[in-house]
Amino acid sequence: MATVRLRDASQYPAAAQKLFELSKAWFEHDFGRPPAMSRVMAWDPEFGGPHGRAMKRAMAPGEFTARRERDVAAAVSGVNACAY
């Protein structure tokens, strides 16, 4: 259950649309729409910008394999789902 309003990707400006495409390439996913967290972060650039930069530093090339990144994402999602 979403705790914030998730807007359709088409409601975002062109700059955010470009970020969605970059995220798709970065995380090697094709969900048919941007992940919820990407949409939340893109709606508020004052939050999303610094958060995105911190994530990019933490997930720099060589820090984790793509598989390990997905493992971490799955673990965090599981913890978040149990929190509600």
N, C-alpha and C. Protein backbone atom coordinates (compact mmCIF):
# COMPACT_ATOMS: atom_id res chain seq x y z
N MET A 1 0.85 -1.17 0.00
CA MET A 1 0.00 0.00 0.00
C MET A 1 0.89 1.23 0.00
N ALA A 2 0.67 2.11 -0.95
CA ALA A 2 1.47 3.33 -1.05
C ALA A 2 1.10 4.29 0.08
N THR A 3 2.12 4.94 0.64
CA THR A 3 1.87 5.92 1.69
C THR A 3 2.01 7.34 1.17
N VAL A 4 2.40 7.48 -0.08
CA VAL A 4 2.47 8.78 -0.74
C VAL A 4 1.77 8.65 -2.08
N ARG A 5 1.36 9.78 -2.63
CA ARG A 5 0.68 9.76 -3.92
C ARG A 5 1.70 9.43 -5.01
N LEU A 6 1.43 8.40 -5.76
CA LEU A 6 2.29 8.03 -6.87
C LEU A 6 1.66 8.53 -8.16
N ARG A 7 2.33 9.46 -8.80
CA ARG A 7 1.83 10.02 -10.05
C ARG A 7 2.28 9.17 -11.23
N ASP A 8 1.53 9.24 -12.30
CA ASP A 8 1.90 8.56 -13.52
C ASP A 8 3.12 9.25 -14.11
N ALA A 9 3.98 8.50 -14.72
CA ALA A 9 5.22 9.06 -15.28
C ALA A 9 4.94 10.18 -16.27
N SER A 10 3.81 10.13 -16.95
CA SER A 10 3.49 11.16 -17.94
C SER A 10 3.22 12.52 -17.32
N GLN A 11 3.01 12.59 -16.01
CA GLN A 11 2.75 13.86 -15.32
C GLN A 11 4.03 14.63 -14.98
N TYR A 12 5.18 14.05 -15.24
CA TYR A 12 6.43 14.68 -14.88
C TYR A 12 6.99 15.49 -16.04
N PRO A 13 7.79 16.53 -15.73
CA PRO A 13 8.41 17.31 -16.80
C PRO A 13 9.47 16.49 -17.56
N ALA A 14 9.89 17.01 -18.69
CA ALA A 14 10.84 16.31 -19.56
C ALA A 14 12.14 15.95 -18.82
N ALA A 15 12.60 16.84 -17.95
CA ALA A 15 13.85 16.56 -17.21
C ALA A 15 13.70 15.31 -16.34
N ALA A 16 12.56 15.16 -15.71
CA ALA A 16 12.32 13.97 -14.88
C ALA A 16 12.18 12.73 -15.76
N GLN A 17 11.55 12.89 -16.93
CA GLN A 17 11.42 11.76 -17.85
C GLN A 17 12.81 11.23 -18.23
N LYS A 18 13.75 12.16 -18.44
CA LYS A 18 15.12 11.76 -18.78
C LYS A 18 15.76 11.00 -17.61
N LEU A 19 15.51 11.47 -16.39
CA LEU A 19 16.04 10.78 -15.21
C LEU A 19 15.46 9.37 -15.09
N PHE A 20 14.20 9.21 -15.45
CA PHE A 20 13.60 7.88 -15.41
C PHE A 20 14.33 6.94 -16.37
N GLU A 21 14.66 7.46 -17.54
CA GLU A 21 15.37 6.63 -18.52
C GLU A 21 16.78 6.29 -18.03
N LEU A 22 17.44 7.26 -17.41
CA LEU A 22 18.78 7.00 -16.85
C LEU A 22 18.71 5.96 -15.74
N SER A 23 17.69 6.05 -14.90
CA SER A 23 17.50 5.09 -13.81
C SER A 23 17.28 3.69 -14.38
N LYS A 24 16.49 3.63 -15.43
CA LYS A 24 16.20 2.34 -16.09
C LYS A 24 17.50 1.68 -16.56
N ALA A 25 18.38 2.48 -17.14
CA ALA A 25 19.65 1.96 -17.62
C ALA A 25 20.58 1.62 -16.45
N TRP A 26 20.61 2.48 -15.45
CA TRP A 26 21.51 2.30 -14.30
C TRP A 26 21.19 1.00 -13.56
N PHE A 27 19.90 0.76 -13.30
CA PHE A 27 19.49 -0.41 -12.52
C PHE A 27 19.13 -1.61 -13.38
N GLU A 28 19.26 -1.44 -14.70
CA GLU A 28 19.00 -2.53 -15.63
C GLU A 28 17.62 -3.15 -15.40
N HIS A 29 16.59 -2.31 -15.41
CA HIS A 29 15.23 -2.80 -15.24
C HIS A 29 14.35 -2.33 -16.38
N ASP A 30 13.27 -3.04 -16.58
CA ASP A 30 12.26 -2.61 -17.55
C ASP A 30 10.91 -3.03 -16.98
N PHE A 31 10.42 -2.23 -16.04
CA PHE A 31 9.15 -2.53 -15.37
C PHE A 31 7.95 -2.01 -16.15
N GLY A 32 8.19 -1.29 -17.24
CA GLY A 32 7.09 -0.70 -17.98
C GLY A 32 6.74 0.69 -17.49
N ARG A 33 7.18 1.02 -16.28
CA ARG A 33 7.02 2.37 -15.72
C ARG A 33 8.12 2.55 -14.69
N PRO A 34 8.45 3.79 -14.37
CA PRO A 34 9.52 4.01 -13.38
C PRO A 34 9.12 3.43 -12.02
N PRO A 35 10.09 2.92 -11.28
CA PRO A 35 9.79 2.42 -9.93
C PRO A 35 9.20 3.52 -9.06
N ALA A 36 8.44 3.12 -8.07
CA ALA A 36 7.75 4.08 -7.20
C ALA A 36 8.73 5.07 -6.55
N MET A 37 9.84 4.58 -6.04
CA MET A 37 10.79 5.48 -5.37
C MET A 37 11.34 6.51 -6.34
N SER A 38 11.58 6.13 -7.57
CA SER A 38 12.06 7.09 -8.57
C SER A 38 11.02 8.18 -8.80
N ARG A 39 9.75 7.80 -8.85
CA ARG A 39 8.69 8.79 -9.06
C ARG A 39 8.55 9.71 -7.86
N VAL A 40 8.68 9.16 -6.65
CA VAL A 40 8.60 10.00 -5.45
C VAL A 40 9.74 11.00 -5.44
N MET A 41 10.96 10.52 -5.69
CA MET A 41 12.13 11.39 -5.65
C MET A 41 12.08 12.46 -6.74
N ALA A 42 11.58 12.11 -7.90
CA ALA A 42 11.54 13.06 -9.01
C ALA A 42 10.52 14.16 -8.79
N TRP A 43 9.49 13.90 -8.00
CA TRP A 43 8.46 14.91 -7.79
C TRP A 43 8.98 16.06 -6.93
N ASP A 44 9.91 15.76 -6.04
CA ASP A 44 10.47 16.79 -5.16
C ASP A 44 11.98 16.85 -5.35
N PRO A 45 12.44 17.68 -6.31
CA PRO A 45 13.88 17.74 -6.61
C PRO A 45 14.75 18.12 -5.41
N GLU A 46 14.21 18.88 -4.44
CA GLU A 46 15.01 19.26 -3.27
C GLU A 46 15.33 18.03 -2.41
N PHE A 47 14.46 17.03 -2.45
CA PHE A 47 14.74 15.77 -1.75
C PHE A 47 15.45 14.80 -2.68
N GLY A 48 14.89 14.64 -3.84
CA GLY A 48 15.38 13.63 -4.77
C GLY A 48 16.81 13.85 -5.24
N GLY A 49 17.18 15.09 -5.48
CA GLY A 49 18.53 15.39 -5.97
C GLY A 49 19.63 14.92 -5.01
N PRO A 50 19.61 15.43 -3.76
CA PRO A 50 20.64 14.99 -2.81
C PRO A 50 20.58 13.49 -2.52
N HIS A 51 19.40 12.95 -2.41
CA HIS A 51 19.26 11.51 -2.15
C HIS A 51 19.84 10.71 -3.32
N GLY A 52 19.53 11.12 -4.52
CA GLY A 52 20.06 10.44 -5.70
C GLY A 52 21.57 10.49 -5.78
N ARG A 53 22.14 11.65 -5.45
CA ARG A 53 23.61 11.77 -5.47
C ARG A 53 24.25 10.87 -4.42
N ALA A 54 23.63 10.80 -3.23
CA ALA A 54 24.17 9.93 -2.18
C ALA A 54 24.10 8.47 -2.60
N MET A 55 22.99 8.08 -3.23
CA MET A 55 22.86 6.70 -3.69
C MET A 55 23.88 6.39 -4.78
N LYS A 56 24.11 7.36 -5.65
CA LYS A 56 25.07 7.14 -6.73
C LYS A 56 26.48 6.92 -6.16
N ARG A 57 26.82 7.68 -5.10
CA ARG A 57 28.13 7.48 -4.46
C ARG A 57 28.19 6.12 -3.79
N ALA A 58 27.12 5.73 -3.10
CA ALA A 58 27.11 4.46 -2.38
C ALA A 58 27.13 3.27 -3.34
N MET A 59 26.53 3.44 -4.50
CA MET A 59 26.42 2.35 -5.46
C MET A 59 27.35 2.57 -6.65
N ALA A 60 28.49 3.21 -6.41
CA ALA A 60 29.44 3.50 -7.48
C ALA A 60 29.91 2.20 -8.14
N PRO A 61 30.26 2.28 -9.41
CA PRO A 61 30.75 1.08 -10.10
C PRO A 61 31.88 0.42 -9.31
N GLY A 62 31.78 -0.88 -9.17
CA GLY A 62 32.79 -1.62 -8.44
C GLY A 62 32.46 -1.84 -6.98
N GLU A 63 31.53 -1.06 -6.44
CA GLU A 63 31.16 -1.24 -5.03
C GLU A 63 30.35 -2.53 -4.86
N PHE A 64 29.40 -2.74 -5.75
CA PHE A 64 28.57 -3.94 -5.72
C PHE A 64 28.41 -4.46 -7.13
N THR A 65 28.20 -5.75 -7.25
CA THR A 65 27.81 -6.29 -8.55
C THR A 65 26.33 -5.98 -8.75
N ALA A 66 25.84 -6.08 -9.98
CA ALA A 66 24.43 -5.83 -10.25
C ALA A 66 23.56 -6.79 -9.42
N ARG A 67 24.00 -8.03 -9.31
CA ARG A 67 23.24 -8.99 -8.52
C ARG A 67 23.19 -8.58 -7.05
N ARG A 68 24.32 -8.13 -6.51
CA ARG A 68 24.36 -7.70 -5.11
C ARG A 68 23.46 -6.49 -4.89
N GLU A 69 23.45 -5.55 -5.84
CA GLU A 69 22.56 -4.39 -5.73
C GLU A 69 21.11 -4.84 -5.65
N ARG A 70 20.73 -5.82 -6.49
CA ARG A 70 19.36 -6.32 -6.45
C ARG A 70 19.07 -7.03 -5.13
N ASP A 71 20.06 -7.75 -4.59
CA ASP A 71 19.88 -8.40 -3.30
C ASP A 71 19.62 -7.37 -2.20
N VAL A 72 20.40 -6.31 -2.21
CA VAL A 72 20.23 -5.24 -1.21
C VAL A 72 18.86 -4.61 -1.37
N ALA A 73 18.46 -4.32 -2.60
CA ALA A 73 17.15 -3.71 -2.85
C ALA A 73 16.03 -4.63 -2.36
N ALA A 74 16.15 -5.92 -2.61
CA ALA A 74 15.13 -6.86 -2.17
C ALA A 74 15.05 -6.92 -0.64
N ALA A 75 16.20 -6.91 0.02
CA ALA A 75 16.22 -6.94 1.48
C ALA A 75 15.59 -5.69 2.06
N VAL A 76 15.93 -4.54 1.52
CA VAL A 76 15.36 -3.28 2.01
C VAL A 76 13.85 -3.25 1.78
N SER A 77 13.43 -3.70 0.61
CA SER A 77 11.99 -3.74 0.33
C SER A 77 11.26 -4.64 1.31
N GLY A 78 11.87 -5.78 1.63
CA GLY A 78 11.25 -6.68 2.58
C GLY A 78 11.12 -6.06 3.96
N VAL A 79 12.16 -5.38 4.40
CA VAL A 79 12.11 -4.71 5.70
C VAL A 79 11.05 -3.61 5.68
N ASN A 80 11.02 -2.83 4.61
CA ASN A 80 10.02 -1.75 4.51
C ASN A 80 8.61 -2.30 4.50
N ALA A 81 8.38 -3.41 3.82
CA ALA A 81 7.04 -4.00 3.75
C ALA A 81 6.59 -4.48 5.13
N CYS A 82 7.52 -5.00 5.91
CA CYS A 82 7.19 -5.49 7.26
C CYS A 82 6.93 -4.34 8.24
N ALA A 83 7.44 -3.16 7.92
CA ALA A 83 7.28 -2.01 8.82
C ALA A 83 5.84 -1.51 8.84
N TYR A 84 5.05 -1.88 7.84
CA TYR A 84 3.67 -1.40 7.77
C TYR A 84 2.78 -2.49 8.19
